[in-house]
Amino acid sequence: ITGVIITGGLGYLIIKRIYDKTENIFYDNDFLYLKNSKETRNIELKKIKRVKLTSSNLKILGFKFYEYRVEFDIGLKLNESVSFWTGSINSNIWNFEEHLNYYSPKTKIEHSSSSFNN
């Protein structure tokens, strides 16, 4: 019984840690919003440098999911990136890319799935 309690407690802590770090991504005409359980960060769309399809993908219950990375300028000539997964069905990535083309035309959008640093 003690082993079950310890295993359950560790499982809870791991899941909570993942939940606390997971970010939901939203956008409007001016900002990309990165929201997790503790805070919301606002990234100006014009500071987004690149949106890139990475080589990571997975299949869950027959549905394909793809990882995209968004690289943005955080000042002092430093960049940061955030990754997110999107499914092959009901994906809003195309709408987001069209939105960026209009509101942040300098953003580079890459659909090739190679290393992000290339």
N, C-alpha and C. Protein backbone atom coordinates (compact mmCIF):
# COMPACT_ATOMS: atom_id res chain seq x y z
N ILE A 1 0.84 -1.20 0.00
CA ILE A 1 0.00 0.00 0.00
C ILE A 1 0.87 1.25 0.00
N THR A 2 1.96 1.24 0.76
CA THR A 2 2.85 2.40 0.81
C THR A 2 3.42 2.69 -0.58
N GLY A 3 3.79 1.63 -1.31
CA GLY A 3 4.32 1.80 -2.66
C GLY A 3 3.32 2.44 -3.60
N VAL A 4 2.05 2.06 -3.46
CA VAL A 4 1.00 2.63 -4.30
C VAL A 4 0.83 4.12 -3.99
N ILE A 5 0.86 4.47 -2.71
CA ILE A 5 0.72 5.87 -2.31
C ILE A 5 1.89 6.70 -2.82
N ILE A 6 3.10 6.17 -2.68
CA ILE A 6 4.29 6.88 -3.16
C ILE A 6 4.24 7.04 -4.68
N THR A 7 3.90 5.97 -5.39
CA THR A 7 3.81 6.02 -6.85
C THR A 7 2.74 7.02 -7.29
N GLY A 8 1.58 6.98 -6.63
CA GLY A 8 0.51 7.92 -6.95
C GLY A 8 0.92 9.36 -6.69
N GLY A 9 1.61 9.58 -5.57
CA GLY A 9 2.07 10.93 -5.24
C GLY A 9 3.08 11.45 -6.25
N LEU A 10 4.02 10.59 -6.64
CA LEU A 10 5.00 10.99 -7.65
C LEU A 10 4.33 11.27 -8.99
N GLY A 11 3.38 10.42 -9.37
CA GLY A 11 2.64 10.63 -10.61
C GLY A 11 1.91 11.96 -10.61
N TYR A 12 1.28 12.29 -9.48
CA TYR A 12 0.58 13.56 -9.34
C TYR A 12 1.55 14.73 -9.50
N LEU A 13 2.70 14.66 -8.85
CA LEU A 13 3.68 15.75 -8.94
C LEU A 13 4.20 15.94 -10.36
N ILE A 14 4.43 14.84 -11.05
CA ILE A 14 4.91 14.92 -12.44
C ILE A 14 3.85 15.55 -13.33
N ILE A 15 2.60 15.09 -13.19
CA ILE A 15 1.52 15.64 -14.01
C ILE A 15 1.30 17.12 -13.70
N LYS A 16 1.36 17.49 -12.44
CA LYS A 16 1.18 18.90 -12.05
C LYS A 16 2.29 19.77 -12.64
N ARG A 17 3.51 19.26 -12.61
CA ARG A 17 4.64 20.02 -13.16
C ARG A 17 4.46 20.24 -14.67
N ILE A 18 4.05 19.19 -15.37
CA ILE A 18 3.80 19.32 -16.81
C ILE A 18 2.67 20.31 -17.06
N TYR A 19 1.59 20.21 -16.28
CA TYR A 19 0.45 21.12 -16.43
C TYR A 19 0.87 22.57 -16.19
N ASP A 20 1.67 22.80 -15.17
CA ASP A 20 2.10 24.16 -14.85
C ASP A 20 2.95 24.77 -15.96
N LYS A 21 3.69 23.94 -16.70
CA LYS A 21 4.57 24.44 -17.75
C LYS A 21 3.89 24.50 -19.12
N THR A 22 2.77 23.80 -19.30
CA THR A 22 2.10 23.76 -20.58
C THR A 22 1.45 25.11 -20.86
N GLU A 23 1.66 25.60 -22.08
CA GLU A 23 1.11 26.90 -22.45
C GLU A 23 0.05 26.74 -23.53
N ASN A 24 -1.04 27.44 -23.36
CA ASN A 24 -2.05 27.56 -24.40
C ASN A 24 -1.70 28.81 -25.20
N ILE A 25 -1.93 28.74 -26.50
CA ILE A 25 -1.53 29.84 -27.37
C ILE A 25 -2.78 30.44 -28.01
N PHE A 26 -2.89 31.77 -27.90
CA PHE A 26 -3.97 32.53 -28.51
C PHE A 26 -3.35 33.73 -29.23
N TYR A 27 -4.10 34.33 -30.13
CA TYR A 27 -3.59 35.52 -30.79
C TYR A 27 -4.74 36.45 -31.16
N ASP A 28 -4.38 37.72 -31.36
CA ASP A 28 -5.31 38.70 -31.90
C ASP A 28 -4.53 39.55 -32.91
N ASN A 29 -5.01 40.73 -33.24
CA ASN A 29 -4.35 41.55 -34.26
C ASN A 29 -2.98 42.06 -33.86
N ASP A 30 -2.69 42.11 -32.57
CA ASP A 30 -1.44 42.71 -32.12
C ASP A 30 -0.50 41.76 -31.38
N PHE A 31 -1.05 40.74 -30.72
CA PHE A 31 -0.24 39.92 -29.83
C PHE A 31 -0.47 38.43 -30.01
N LEU A 32 0.57 37.68 -29.65
CA LEU A 32 0.48 36.24 -29.43
C LEU A 32 0.49 36.09 -27.91
N TYR A 33 -0.48 35.37 -27.37
CA TYR A 33 -0.60 35.20 -25.93
C TYR A 33 -0.18 33.78 -25.56
N LEU A 34 0.74 33.66 -24.62
CA LEU A 34 1.19 32.38 -24.10
C LEU A 34 0.67 32.28 -22.68
N LYS A 35 -0.33 31.43 -22.46
CA LYS A 35 -0.99 31.36 -21.16
C LYS A 35 -0.77 29.99 -20.54
N ASN A 36 -0.22 29.99 -19.32
CA ASN A 36 -0.12 28.75 -18.56
C ASN A 36 -0.92 28.92 -17.28
N SER A 37 -0.78 28.00 -16.35
CA SER A 37 -1.61 28.04 -15.14
C SER A 37 -1.27 29.20 -14.23
N LYS A 38 -0.12 29.84 -14.44
CA LYS A 38 0.31 30.90 -13.53
C LYS A 38 0.35 32.29 -14.14
N GLU A 39 0.55 32.38 -15.44
CA GLU A 39 0.72 33.70 -16.04
C GLU A 39 0.34 33.70 -17.52
N THR A 40 0.19 34.89 -18.05
CA THR A 40 -0.02 35.08 -19.48
C THR A 40 1.05 36.04 -19.98
N ARG A 41 1.77 35.60 -21.01
CA ARG A 41 2.79 36.46 -21.62
C ARG A 41 2.24 36.97 -22.94
N ASN A 42 2.52 38.23 -23.24
CA ASN A 42 2.09 38.85 -24.49
C ASN A 42 3.31 39.08 -25.37
N ILE A 43 3.29 38.51 -26.57
CA ILE A 43 4.37 38.69 -27.53
C ILE A 43 3.81 39.50 -28.70
N GLU A 44 4.41 40.65 -28.99
CA GLU A 44 3.96 41.43 -30.14
C GLU A 44 4.17 40.62 -31.41
N LEU A 45 3.16 40.61 -32.27
CA LEU A 45 3.27 39.84 -33.52
C LEU A 45 4.46 40.28 -34.34
N LYS A 46 4.77 41.57 -34.34
CA LYS A 46 5.90 42.06 -35.15
C LYS A 46 7.24 41.58 -34.60
N LYS A 47 7.27 41.03 -33.38
CA LYS A 47 8.51 40.49 -32.82
C LYS A 47 8.70 39.01 -33.13
N ILE A 48 7.71 38.39 -33.77
CA ILE A 48 7.84 36.99 -34.16
C ILE A 48 8.74 36.93 -35.38
N LYS A 49 9.82 36.18 -35.27
CA LYS A 49 10.81 36.07 -36.34
C LYS A 49 10.49 34.92 -37.30
N ARG A 50 10.02 33.80 -36.71
CA ARG A 50 9.85 32.60 -37.54
C ARG A 50 8.81 31.68 -36.93
N VAL A 51 8.04 31.03 -37.82
CA VAL A 51 7.16 29.93 -37.46
C VAL A 51 7.63 28.75 -38.29
N LYS A 52 7.95 27.65 -37.63
CA LYS A 52 8.61 26.54 -38.32
C LYS A 52 8.01 25.20 -37.94
N LEU A 53 7.70 24.40 -38.94
CA LEU A 53 7.33 23.01 -38.72
C LEU A 53 8.60 22.25 -38.37
N THR A 54 8.61 21.55 -37.23
CA THR A 54 9.79 20.78 -36.85
C THR A 54 9.66 19.36 -37.39
N SER A 55 10.66 18.55 -37.17
CA SER A 55 10.61 17.17 -37.64
C SER A 55 9.88 16.25 -36.66
N SER A 56 9.41 16.78 -35.54
CA SER A 56 8.69 15.97 -34.55
C SER A 56 7.23 15.82 -34.94
N ASN A 57 6.75 14.60 -34.88
CA ASN A 57 5.32 14.34 -35.05
C ASN A 57 4.97 13.06 -34.31
N LEU A 58 3.70 12.89 -34.05
CA LEU A 58 3.25 11.67 -33.38
C LEU A 58 1.85 11.35 -33.82
N LYS A 59 1.46 10.11 -33.59
CA LYS A 59 0.14 9.64 -33.98
C LYS A 59 -0.57 9.15 -32.72
N ILE A 60 -1.76 9.68 -32.47
CA ILE A 60 -2.56 9.28 -31.32
C ILE A 60 -3.93 8.86 -31.84
N LEU A 61 -4.29 7.61 -31.59
CA LEU A 61 -5.58 7.06 -32.02
C LEU A 61 -5.83 7.31 -33.51
N GLY A 62 -4.79 7.20 -34.31
CA GLY A 62 -4.91 7.35 -35.74
C GLY A 62 -4.82 8.78 -36.26
N PHE A 63 -4.75 9.76 -35.37
CA PHE A 63 -4.65 11.16 -35.79
C PHE A 63 -3.22 11.63 -35.68
N LYS A 64 -2.75 12.31 -36.73
CA LYS A 64 -1.38 12.83 -36.73
C LYS A 64 -1.33 14.20 -36.05
N PHE A 65 -0.27 14.40 -35.28
CA PHE A 65 0.00 15.69 -34.64
C PHE A 65 1.40 16.13 -35.02
N TYR A 66 1.54 17.42 -35.24
CA TYR A 66 2.81 17.99 -35.69
C TYR A 66 3.25 19.07 -34.72
N GLU A 67 4.56 19.16 -34.53
CA GLU A 67 5.11 20.19 -33.65
C GLU A 67 5.56 21.38 -34.48
N TYR A 68 5.13 22.55 -34.07
CA TYR A 68 5.58 23.81 -34.65
C TYR A 68 6.33 24.58 -33.58
N ARG A 69 7.24 25.41 -34.03
CA ARG A 69 7.98 26.27 -33.12
C ARG A 69 7.85 27.71 -33.58
N VAL A 70 7.64 28.59 -32.63
CA VAL A 70 7.56 30.02 -32.90
C VAL A 70 8.75 30.68 -32.24
N GLU A 71 9.57 31.35 -33.03
CA GLU A 71 10.75 32.05 -32.51
C GLU A 71 10.44 33.55 -32.50
N PHE A 72 10.76 34.21 -31.39
CA PHE A 72 10.47 35.63 -31.28
C PHE A 72 11.59 36.36 -30.55
N ASP A 73 11.65 37.66 -30.81
CA ASP A 73 12.66 38.54 -30.23
C ASP A 73 12.22 38.96 -28.84
N ILE A 74 13.12 38.80 -27.85
CA ILE A 74 12.80 39.23 -26.48
C ILE A 74 13.64 40.43 -26.07
N GLY A 75 14.32 41.05 -27.01
CA GLY A 75 15.11 42.24 -26.72
C GLY A 75 16.57 41.91 -26.53
N LEU A 76 17.41 42.94 -26.53
CA LEU A 76 18.86 42.81 -26.37
C LEU A 76 19.46 41.80 -27.33
N LYS A 77 18.90 41.74 -28.53
CA LYS A 77 19.36 40.82 -29.58
C LYS A 77 19.26 39.36 -29.15
N LEU A 78 18.31 39.03 -28.29
CA LEU A 78 18.07 37.66 -27.84
C LEU A 78 16.75 37.16 -28.40
N ASN A 79 16.72 35.87 -28.73
CA ASN A 79 15.51 35.23 -29.21
C ASN A 79 15.08 34.15 -28.23
N GLU A 80 13.80 33.88 -28.22
CA GLU A 80 13.24 32.79 -27.44
C GLU A 80 12.30 32.04 -28.37
N SER A 81 12.00 30.80 -28.04
CA SER A 81 11.03 30.07 -28.85
C SER A 81 10.08 29.29 -27.95
N VAL A 82 8.92 29.02 -28.50
CA VAL A 82 7.92 28.21 -27.82
C VAL A 82 7.43 27.19 -28.83
N SER A 83 7.22 25.96 -28.37
CA SER A 83 6.73 24.89 -29.23
C SER A 83 5.27 24.61 -28.92
N PHE A 84 4.55 24.19 -29.93
CA PHE A 84 3.18 23.74 -29.71
C PHE A 84 2.85 22.64 -30.70
N TRP A 85 1.88 21.83 -30.34
CA TRP A 85 1.44 20.72 -31.17
C TRP A 85 0.09 21.06 -31.77
N THR A 86 -0.08 20.67 -33.02
CA THR A 86 -1.37 20.86 -33.67
C THR A 86 -1.72 19.60 -34.43
N GLY A 87 -3.00 19.31 -34.48
CA GLY A 87 -3.45 18.10 -35.16
C GLY A 87 -3.67 18.31 -36.63
N SER A 88 -3.78 17.20 -37.35
CA SER A 88 -4.01 17.28 -38.78
C SER A 88 -5.47 17.61 -39.10
N ILE A 89 -6.34 17.46 -38.10
CA ILE A 89 -7.75 17.79 -38.27
C ILE A 89 -8.07 19.00 -37.40
N ASN A 90 -8.85 19.93 -37.91
CA ASN A 90 -9.26 21.13 -37.18
C ASN A 90 -8.07 21.96 -36.72
N SER A 91 -7.06 22.04 -37.52
CA SER A 91 -5.89 22.84 -37.17
C SER A 91 -6.11 24.29 -37.56
N ASN A 92 -5.73 25.19 -36.68
CA ASN A 92 -5.84 26.62 -36.96
C ASN A 92 -4.51 27.22 -37.40
N ILE A 93 -3.52 26.38 -37.66
CA ILE A 93 -2.19 26.89 -38.01
C ILE A 93 -2.25 27.70 -39.30
N TRP A 94 -3.08 27.29 -40.26
CA TRP A 94 -3.15 28.03 -41.53
C TRP A 94 -3.74 29.42 -41.31
N ASN A 95 -4.75 29.50 -40.46
CA ASN A 95 -5.33 30.82 -40.13
C ASN A 95 -4.31 31.71 -39.45
N PHE A 96 -3.53 31.12 -38.54
CA PHE A 96 -2.50 31.88 -37.84
C PHE A 96 -1.45 32.39 -38.82
N GLU A 97 -1.03 31.55 -39.76
CA GLU A 97 -0.04 31.95 -40.75
C GLU A 97 -0.57 33.08 -41.65
N GLU A 98 -1.82 32.98 -42.07
CA GLU A 98 -2.42 34.05 -42.86
C GLU A 98 -2.48 35.35 -42.06
N HIS A 99 -2.83 35.22 -40.80
CA HIS A 99 -2.89 36.37 -39.90
C HIS A 99 -1.51 37.03 -39.78
N LEU A 100 -0.47 36.21 -39.61
CA LEU A 100 0.89 36.75 -39.53
C LEU A 100 1.31 37.41 -40.83
N ASN A 101 0.96 36.80 -41.96
CA ASN A 101 1.30 37.40 -43.26
C ASN A 101 0.72 38.81 -43.39
N TYR A 102 -0.45 39.02 -42.82
CA TYR A 102 -1.10 40.32 -42.90
C TYR A 102 -0.55 41.30 -41.87
N TYR A 103 -0.47 40.86 -40.59
CA TYR A 103 -0.10 41.78 -39.50
C TYR A 103 1.40 41.83 -39.21
N SER A 104 2.14 40.86 -39.67
CA SER A 104 3.59 40.83 -39.46
C SER A 104 4.27 40.22 -40.68
N PRO A 105 4.25 40.95 -41.81
CA PRO A 105 4.72 40.38 -43.07
C PRO A 105 6.19 39.98 -43.10
N LYS A 106 7.00 40.44 -42.16
CA LYS A 106 8.41 40.08 -42.13
C LYS A 106 8.66 38.72 -41.48
N THR A 107 7.64 38.14 -40.87
CA THR A 107 7.79 36.84 -40.21
C THR A 107 8.04 35.76 -41.26
N LYS A 108 9.04 34.94 -41.01
CA LYS A 108 9.39 33.84 -41.91
C LYS A 108 8.57 32.62 -41.51
N ILE A 109 7.85 32.04 -42.47
CA ILE A 109 7.05 30.84 -42.21
C ILE A 109 7.63 29.70 -43.04
N GLU A 110 8.00 28.62 -42.35
CA GLU A 110 8.65 27.48 -43.00
C GLU A 110 7.82 26.22 -42.79
N HIS A 111 7.49 25.57 -43.90
CA HIS A 111 6.70 24.34 -43.83
C HIS A 111 7.55 23.08 -43.97
N SER A 112 8.83 23.24 -44.20
CA SER A 112 9.68 22.05 -44.30
C SER A 112 10.00 21.55 -42.91
N SER A 113 10.02 20.25 -42.76
CA SER A 113 10.24 19.66 -41.43
C SER A 113 11.69 19.22 -41.29
N SER A 114 12.55 20.19 -41.09
CA SER A 114 13.96 19.90 -40.83
C SER A 114 14.31 20.46 -39.47
N SER A 115 15.56 20.40 -39.11
CA SER A 115 16.00 20.92 -37.82
C SER A 115 15.63 22.40 -37.72
N PHE A 116 15.15 22.82 -36.54
CA PHE A 116 14.69 24.20 -36.34
C PHE A 116 15.83 25.19 -36.53
N ASN A 117 17.04 24.80 -36.23
CA ASN A 117 18.17 25.72 -36.29
C ASN A 117 18.69 25.93 -37.70
N ASN A 118 18.17 25.22 -38.68
CA ASN A 118 18.64 25.39 -40.06
C ASN A 118 17.98 26.57 -40.71
